[in-house]
Amino acid sequence: MSAGPHDMHSLLHIDIPRDARAPGRARRAVEAFADDLPNAAAADVKLMVSELVSNSVKYGGAGEISLALRSEEHGHLHAEVLDGGGRFIPRERDRPASEVGGWGLHLVEALADRWGVGDGGARVWFEIDAGATRDTAAVAA
């Protein structure tokens, strides 16, 4: 089922228990809807969702983590991860490239067409435009 020019179509909305298995649960949930994602973007969406859920596990507040995916006008995909965390201000990565960790938001910024935070930082969202092509290998360079 595809969305009309002014419709929004919910692909997924789940609550995920906050534990070490949360990123894997989020990836598997996205995989179930891979055929509905624009322009074969499933790998990028899984990666970005996994990174955002990992951040929620590490830095968010108590309770479950909510994940929502929906298609929007002209096949754009909107994804968001919501947790019970407090205020969060995204910052540019300031660690050496050789240091492990801290790449989540950098990857989201590189792969998404738009992204941002809301609800005082407890909600991080990203969007991918239909027809957009990405070179995931270039992000790692």
N, C-alpha and C. Protein backbone atom coordinates (compact mmCIF):
# COMPACT_ATOMS: atom_id res chain seq x y z
N MET A 1 0.85 -1.18 0.00
CA MET A 1 0.00 0.00 0.00
C MET A 1 0.89 1.23 0.00
N SER A 2 0.67 2.12 -0.92
CA SER A 2 1.50 3.32 -0.98
C SER A 2 0.69 4.53 -0.56
N ALA A 3 1.38 5.54 -0.10
CA ALA A 3 0.72 6.76 0.36
C ALA A 3 0.41 7.65 -0.82
N GLY A 4 -0.73 8.31 -0.76
CA GLY A 4 -1.10 9.27 -1.78
C GLY A 4 -0.30 10.54 -1.59
N PRO A 5 -0.48 11.54 -2.45
CA PRO A 5 0.35 12.74 -2.40
C PRO A 5 0.23 13.53 -1.10
N HIS A 6 -0.85 13.39 -0.37
CA HIS A 6 -1.00 14.14 0.87
C HIS A 6 -1.22 13.23 2.07
N ASP A 7 -0.99 11.93 1.91
CA ASP A 7 -1.23 10.97 2.98
C ASP A 7 0.07 10.65 3.70
N MET A 8 -0.08 10.24 4.95
CA MET A 8 1.05 9.65 5.67
C MET A 8 0.66 8.22 5.95
N HIS A 9 1.56 7.32 5.79
CA HIS A 9 1.33 5.91 5.98
C HIS A 9 2.28 5.42 7.06
N SER A 10 1.74 4.95 8.15
CA SER A 10 2.57 4.44 9.23
C SER A 10 3.08 3.06 8.85
N LEU A 11 4.37 2.90 8.83
CA LEU A 11 4.96 1.60 8.55
C LEU A 11 5.18 0.81 9.84
N LEU A 12 5.55 1.52 10.90
CA LEU A 12 5.96 0.84 12.12
C LEU A 12 5.88 1.80 13.30
N HIS A 13 5.38 1.29 14.40
CA HIS A 13 5.46 2.01 15.67
C HIS A 13 5.54 0.96 16.76
N ILE A 14 6.70 0.88 17.43
CA ILE A 14 6.89 -0.11 18.49
C ILE A 14 7.58 0.53 19.69
N ASP A 15 7.35 -0.08 20.83
CA ASP A 15 8.08 0.26 22.04
C ASP A 15 9.06 -0.87 22.30
N ILE A 16 10.28 -0.50 22.63
CA ILE A 16 11.37 -1.46 22.79
C ILE A 16 11.88 -1.37 24.22
N PRO A 17 11.98 -2.50 24.91
CA PRO A 17 12.56 -2.46 26.26
C PRO A 17 13.99 -1.91 26.22
N ARG A 18 14.33 -1.10 27.20
CA ARG A 18 15.65 -0.48 27.27
C ARG A 18 16.64 -1.49 27.87
N ASP A 19 17.36 -2.17 27.00
CA ASP A 19 18.42 -3.08 27.43
C ASP A 19 19.40 -3.28 26.28
N ALA A 20 20.39 -4.10 26.48
CA ALA A 20 21.44 -4.28 25.48
C ALA A 20 20.93 -4.87 24.17
N ARG A 21 19.77 -5.51 24.19
CA ARG A 21 19.21 -6.11 22.96
C ARG A 21 18.36 -5.13 22.15
N ALA A 22 18.15 -3.93 22.65
CA ALA A 22 17.28 -2.96 21.99
C ALA A 22 17.72 -2.63 20.56
N PRO A 23 19.00 -2.37 20.29
CA PRO A 23 19.39 -2.05 18.90
C PRO A 23 19.08 -3.20 17.93
N GLY A 24 19.32 -4.43 18.35
CA GLY A 24 19.00 -5.58 17.50
C GLY A 24 17.51 -5.71 17.26
N ARG A 25 16.71 -5.47 18.28
CA ARG A 25 15.25 -5.51 18.11
C ARG A 25 14.80 -4.45 17.11
N ALA A 26 15.40 -3.26 17.21
CA ALA A 26 15.04 -2.18 16.29
C ALA A 26 15.42 -2.55 14.85
N ARG A 27 16.61 -3.12 14.65
CA ARG A 27 17.02 -3.53 13.30
C ARG A 27 16.07 -4.56 12.73
N ARG A 28 15.71 -5.55 13.53
CA ARG A 28 14.79 -6.59 13.05
C ARG A 28 13.42 -6.01 12.72
N ALA A 29 12.96 -5.05 13.48
CA ALA A 29 11.68 -4.40 13.19
C ALA A 29 11.75 -3.67 11.86
N VAL A 30 12.85 -2.99 11.58
CA VAL A 30 13.01 -2.28 10.30
C VAL A 30 13.08 -3.29 9.16
N GLU A 31 13.77 -4.41 9.35
CA GLU A 31 13.88 -5.43 8.31
C GLU A 31 12.52 -5.92 7.85
N ALA A 32 11.58 -6.00 8.78
CA ALA A 32 10.24 -6.49 8.44
C ALA A 32 9.53 -5.57 7.46
N PHE A 33 9.99 -4.31 7.35
CA PHE A 33 9.35 -3.36 6.47
C PHE A 33 10.27 -2.90 5.34
N ALA A 34 11.32 -3.67 5.09
CA ALA A 34 12.32 -3.26 4.09
C ALA A 34 11.71 -3.03 2.72
N ASP A 35 10.73 -3.82 2.32
CA ASP A 35 10.13 -3.65 1.00
C ASP A 35 9.35 -2.35 0.87
N ASP A 36 8.92 -1.77 2.01
CA ASP A 36 8.16 -0.52 1.98
C ASP A 36 9.05 0.71 2.06
N LEU A 37 10.35 0.53 2.18
CA LEU A 37 11.25 1.67 2.32
C LEU A 37 11.62 2.22 0.95
N PRO A 38 11.80 3.54 0.86
CA PRO A 38 12.10 4.14 -0.45
C PRO A 38 13.47 3.76 -0.98
N ASN A 39 13.53 3.51 -2.28
CA ASN A 39 14.79 3.37 -3.00
C ASN A 39 15.79 2.42 -2.34
N ALA A 40 15.35 1.29 -1.90
CA ALA A 40 16.23 0.28 -1.30
C ALA A 40 17.12 0.87 -0.21
N ALA A 41 16.55 1.72 0.63
CA ALA A 41 17.31 2.39 1.68
C ALA A 41 17.34 1.60 2.98
N ALA A 42 16.92 0.37 2.95
CA ALA A 42 16.78 -0.41 4.18
C ALA A 42 18.07 -0.50 4.99
N ALA A 43 19.20 -0.70 4.34
CA ALA A 43 20.47 -0.83 5.07
C ALA A 43 20.81 0.46 5.81
N ASP A 44 20.63 1.59 5.15
CA ASP A 44 20.92 2.87 5.79
C ASP A 44 19.96 3.14 6.94
N VAL A 45 18.68 2.84 6.73
CA VAL A 45 17.68 3.06 7.78
C VAL A 45 17.99 2.17 8.98
N LYS A 46 18.31 0.90 8.74
CA LYS A 46 18.67 0.00 9.84
C LYS A 46 19.86 0.53 10.61
N LEU A 47 20.87 1.00 9.92
CA LEU A 47 22.06 1.53 10.57
C LEU A 47 21.73 2.75 11.42
N MET A 48 20.98 3.70 10.85
CA MET A 48 20.66 4.92 11.59
C MET A 48 19.77 4.63 12.78
N VAL A 49 18.76 3.78 12.61
CA VAL A 49 17.88 3.42 13.72
C VAL A 49 18.68 2.72 14.81
N SER A 50 19.56 1.81 14.42
CA SER A 50 20.38 1.10 15.40
C SER A 50 21.24 2.06 16.21
N GLU A 51 21.85 3.04 15.54
CA GLU A 51 22.69 4.02 16.24
C GLU A 51 21.87 4.87 17.19
N LEU A 52 20.69 5.32 16.76
CA LEU A 52 19.87 6.16 17.63
C LEU A 52 19.33 5.37 18.83
N VAL A 53 18.94 4.12 18.60
CA VAL A 53 18.47 3.30 19.72
C VAL A 53 19.63 3.01 20.67
N SER A 54 20.81 2.76 20.15
CA SER A 54 21.99 2.55 21.01
C SER A 54 22.24 3.77 21.89
N ASN A 55 22.14 4.96 21.30
CA ASN A 55 22.30 6.19 22.09
C ASN A 55 21.23 6.29 23.17
N SER A 56 20.01 5.90 22.84
CA SER A 56 18.93 5.94 23.83
C SER A 56 19.19 4.99 24.99
N VAL A 57 19.73 3.82 24.68
CA VAL A 57 20.05 2.86 25.74
C VAL A 57 21.13 3.44 26.64
N LYS A 58 22.16 4.03 26.04
CA LYS A 58 23.29 4.55 26.81
C LYS A 58 22.96 5.82 27.59
N TYR A 59 22.23 6.74 26.96
CA TYR A 59 22.09 8.07 27.52
C TYR A 59 20.67 8.49 27.88
N GLY A 60 19.68 7.71 27.48
CA GLY A 60 18.29 8.09 27.70
C GLY A 60 17.85 7.87 29.14
N GLY A 61 16.63 8.26 29.39
CA GLY A 61 16.05 8.10 30.72
C GLY A 61 15.50 6.71 30.93
N ALA A 62 14.65 6.58 31.91
CA ALA A 62 14.06 5.28 32.25
C ALA A 62 12.92 4.96 31.29
N GLY A 63 12.52 3.72 31.28
CA GLY A 63 11.37 3.29 30.49
C GLY A 63 11.76 2.80 29.11
N GLU A 64 10.74 2.51 28.34
CA GLU A 64 10.94 1.96 27.01
C GLU A 64 11.35 3.04 26.01
N ILE A 65 11.86 2.56 24.89
CA ILE A 65 12.25 3.41 23.77
C ILE A 65 11.21 3.21 22.69
N SER A 66 10.70 4.29 22.11
CA SER A 66 9.73 4.19 21.03
C SER A 66 10.42 4.42 19.69
N LEU A 67 10.06 3.60 18.73
CA LEU A 67 10.57 3.73 17.36
C LEU A 67 9.38 3.85 16.44
N ALA A 68 9.39 4.85 15.57
CA ALA A 68 8.32 5.03 14.60
C ALA A 68 8.92 5.28 13.22
N LEU A 69 8.36 4.62 12.22
CA LEU A 69 8.70 4.85 10.81
C LEU A 69 7.41 5.15 10.08
N ARG A 70 7.44 6.13 9.22
CA ARG A 70 6.26 6.38 8.39
C ARG A 70 6.70 6.95 7.05
N SER A 71 5.94 6.60 6.04
CA SER A 71 6.18 7.20 4.73
C SER A 71 5.34 8.46 4.66
N GLU A 72 5.88 9.45 3.99
CA GLU A 72 5.21 10.73 3.88
C GLU A 72 5.03 11.07 2.41
N GLU A 73 4.63 12.26 2.16
CA GLU A 73 4.38 12.75 0.82
C GLU A 73 5.51 12.38 -0.14
N HIS A 74 5.15 11.89 -1.30
CA HIS A 74 6.10 11.54 -2.37
C HIS A 74 7.08 10.45 -1.96
N GLY A 75 6.72 9.59 -1.01
CA GLY A 75 7.56 8.47 -0.65
C GLY A 75 8.70 8.77 0.29
N HIS A 76 8.76 9.95 0.85
CA HIS A 76 9.81 10.26 1.83
C HIS A 76 9.58 9.40 3.07
N LEU A 77 10.66 9.02 3.71
CA LEU A 77 10.58 8.24 4.93
C LEU A 77 10.96 9.12 6.12
N HIS A 78 10.14 9.08 7.16
CA HIS A 78 10.42 9.80 8.41
C HIS A 78 10.56 8.75 9.49
N ALA A 79 11.65 8.81 10.24
CA ALA A 79 11.89 7.89 11.35
C ALA A 79 12.20 8.68 12.60
N GLU A 80 11.75 8.17 13.74
CA GLU A 80 12.09 8.85 14.99
C GLU A 80 12.24 7.83 16.10
N VAL A 81 13.14 8.18 17.02
CA VAL A 81 13.39 7.40 18.22
C VAL A 81 13.14 8.33 19.40
N LEU A 82 12.30 7.89 20.31
CA LEU A 82 11.91 8.69 21.46
C LEU A 82 12.24 7.92 22.73
N ASP A 83 12.90 8.59 23.67
CA ASP A 83 13.17 7.95 24.95
C ASP A 83 12.82 8.92 26.07
N GLY A 84 12.94 8.49 27.29
CA GLY A 84 12.58 9.32 28.43
C GLY A 84 13.72 10.17 28.93
N GLY A 85 14.71 10.40 28.08
CA GLY A 85 15.89 11.15 28.50
C GLY A 85 15.63 12.63 28.66
N GLY A 86 16.60 13.27 29.22
CA GLY A 86 16.52 14.71 29.44
C GLY A 86 17.04 15.49 28.26
N ARG A 87 17.36 16.71 28.52
CA ARG A 87 17.82 17.63 27.48
C ARG A 87 19.09 17.10 26.81
N PHE A 88 19.12 17.22 25.50
CA PHE A 88 20.24 16.74 24.70
C PHE A 88 20.50 17.75 23.60
N ILE A 89 21.72 18.18 23.47
CA ILE A 89 22.11 19.12 22.42
C ILE A 89 23.14 18.42 21.54
N PRO A 90 22.81 18.19 20.27
CA PRO A 90 23.77 17.51 19.40
C PRO A 90 25.01 18.38 19.20
N ARG A 91 26.15 17.74 19.19
CA ARG A 91 27.43 18.44 18.97
C ARG A 91 28.20 17.73 17.87
N GLU A 92 29.04 18.49 17.22
CA GLU A 92 29.91 17.90 16.22
C GLU A 92 30.91 16.97 16.90
N ARG A 93 31.24 15.90 16.23
CA ARG A 93 32.19 14.94 16.78
C ARG A 93 33.54 15.63 16.95
N ASP A 94 34.09 15.56 18.17
CA ASP A 94 35.36 16.23 18.44
C ASP A 94 36.44 15.25 18.92
N ARG A 95 36.22 13.97 18.66
CA ARG A 95 37.21 12.97 19.04
C ARG A 95 38.01 12.54 17.81
N PRO A 96 39.21 12.01 18.01
CA PRO A 96 39.99 11.52 16.87
C PRO A 96 39.24 10.41 16.13
N ALA A 97 39.42 10.34 14.82
CA ALA A 97 38.76 9.33 14.01
C ALA A 97 39.16 7.92 14.42
N SER A 98 40.32 7.76 15.03
CA SER A 98 40.77 6.44 15.45
C SER A 98 40.09 5.96 16.73
N GLU A 99 39.41 6.85 17.44
CA GLU A 99 38.76 6.48 18.69
C GLU A 99 37.43 5.78 18.41
N VAL A 100 37.20 4.67 19.11
CA VAL A 100 35.97 3.90 18.95
C VAL A 100 34.83 4.64 19.64
N GLY A 101 33.65 4.56 19.04
CA GLY A 101 32.46 5.15 19.64
C GLY A 101 32.26 6.59 19.23
N GLY A 102 31.04 7.05 19.46
CA GLY A 102 30.71 8.44 19.16
C GLY A 102 30.40 8.74 17.71
N TRP A 103 30.12 7.71 16.91
CA TRP A 103 29.87 7.91 15.49
C TRP A 103 28.39 7.97 15.14
N GLY A 104 27.49 7.68 16.07
CA GLY A 104 26.07 7.56 15.77
C GLY A 104 25.46 8.75 15.08
N LEU A 105 25.54 9.92 15.68
CA LEU A 105 24.94 11.10 15.07
C LEU A 105 25.70 11.54 13.82
N HIS A 106 27.00 11.28 13.79
CA HIS A 106 27.79 11.58 12.58
C HIS A 106 27.24 10.77 11.40
N LEU A 107 26.95 9.48 11.64
CA LEU A 107 26.39 8.64 10.58
C LEU A 107 25.01 9.12 10.15
N VAL A 108 24.18 9.47 11.12
CA VAL A 108 22.84 9.96 10.80
C VAL A 108 22.95 11.23 9.95
N GLU A 109 23.82 12.14 10.34
CA GLU A 109 23.98 13.37 9.58
C GLU A 109 24.46 13.10 8.16
N ALA A 110 25.35 12.13 8.01
CA ALA A 110 25.90 11.82 6.69
C ALA A 110 24.90 11.08 5.80
N LEU A 111 24.06 10.23 6.37
CA LEU A 111 23.17 9.39 5.57
C LEU A 111 21.78 9.96 5.36
N ALA A 112 21.30 10.76 6.29
CA ALA A 112 19.93 11.28 6.19
C ALA A 112 19.91 12.56 5.35
N ASP A 113 18.76 12.82 4.76
CA ASP A 113 18.59 14.09 4.04
C ASP A 113 18.29 15.22 5.00
N ARG A 114 17.62 14.91 6.10
CA ARG A 114 17.33 15.87 7.17
C ARG A 114 17.31 15.09 8.47
N TRP A 115 17.68 15.77 9.57
CA TRP A 115 17.56 15.15 10.87
C TRP A 115 17.52 16.25 11.92
N GLY A 116 17.11 15.89 13.11
CA GLY A 116 17.07 16.87 14.18
C GLY A 116 16.62 16.24 15.49
N VAL A 117 16.45 17.09 16.47
CA VAL A 117 16.01 16.65 17.79
C VAL A 117 14.77 17.44 18.19
N GLY A 118 13.99 16.88 19.08
CA GLY A 118 12.80 17.55 19.58
C GLY A 118 12.51 17.10 20.99
N ASP A 119 11.46 17.63 21.56
CA ASP A 119 11.04 17.28 22.93
C ASP A 119 12.19 17.45 23.91
N GLY A 120 12.91 18.54 23.79
CA GLY A 120 14.03 18.78 24.68
C GLY A 120 15.19 17.85 24.44
N GLY A 121 15.20 17.16 23.32
CA GLY A 121 16.29 16.27 22.98
C GLY A 121 15.99 14.82 23.19
N ALA A 122 14.83 14.48 23.74
CA ALA A 122 14.48 13.09 23.97
C ALA A 122 14.01 12.39 22.69
N ARG A 123 13.76 13.15 21.63
CA ARG A 123 13.31 12.60 20.35
C ARG A 123 14.32 13.00 19.29
N VAL A 124 14.86 12.01 18.60
CA VAL A 124 15.76 12.25 17.48
C VAL A 124 15.09 11.67 16.25
N TRP A 125 15.04 12.44 15.18
CA TRP A 125 14.37 12.02 13.97
C TRP A 125 15.28 12.21 12.76
N PHE A 126 14.96 11.47 11.69
CA PHE A 126 15.65 11.68 10.42
C PHE A 126 14.67 11.40 9.28
N GLU A 127 15.01 11.94 8.12
CA GLU A 127 14.21 11.72 6.92
C GLU A 127 15.11 11.35 5.76
N ILE A 128 14.58 10.48 4.91
CA ILE A 128 15.24 10.09 3.67
C ILE A 128 14.27 10.40 2.54
N ASP A 129 14.76 11.05 1.51
CA ASP A 129 13.92 11.38 0.36
C ASP A 129 13.86 10.22 -0.61
N ALA A 130 12.69 10.03 -1.20
CA ALA A 130 12.53 9.01 -2.23
C ALA A 130 13.46 9.31 -3.39
N GLY A 131 14.06 8.28 -3.93
CA GLY A 131 14.93 8.46 -5.08
C GLY A 131 16.34 8.91 -4.75
N ALA A 132 16.61 9.24 -3.48
CA ALA A 132 17.96 9.66 -3.11
C ALA A 132 18.88 8.44 -3.09
N THR A 133 20.09 8.62 -3.55
CA THR A 133 21.07 7.53 -3.50
C THR A 133 22.19 7.94 -2.56
N ARG A 134 22.70 6.98 -1.84
CA ARG A 134 23.73 7.24 -0.85
C ARG A 134 24.89 6.29 -1.06
N ASP A 135 26.06 6.76 -0.70
CA ASP A 135 27.24 5.92 -0.75
C ASP A 135 27.72 5.72 0.68
N THR A 136 27.24 4.64 1.30
CA THR A 136 27.58 4.36 2.69
C THR A 136 29.10 4.21 2.86
N ALA A 137 29.79 3.70 1.86
CA ALA A 137 31.24 3.54 1.97
C ALA A 137 31.93 4.89 2.12
N ALA A 138 31.39 5.93 1.50
CA ALA A 138 31.99 7.26 1.59
C ALA A 138 31.90 7.83 2.99
N VAL A 139 30.91 7.41 3.76
CA VAL A 139 30.75 7.89 5.13
C VAL A 139 31.91 7.42 5.99
N ALA A 140 32.36 6.19 5.76
CA ALA A 140 33.44 5.62 6.57
C ALA A 140 34.80 6.21 6.23
N ALA A 141 34.92 6.83 5.07
CA ALA A 141 36.22 7.36 4.64
C ALA A 141 36.63 8.57 5.42
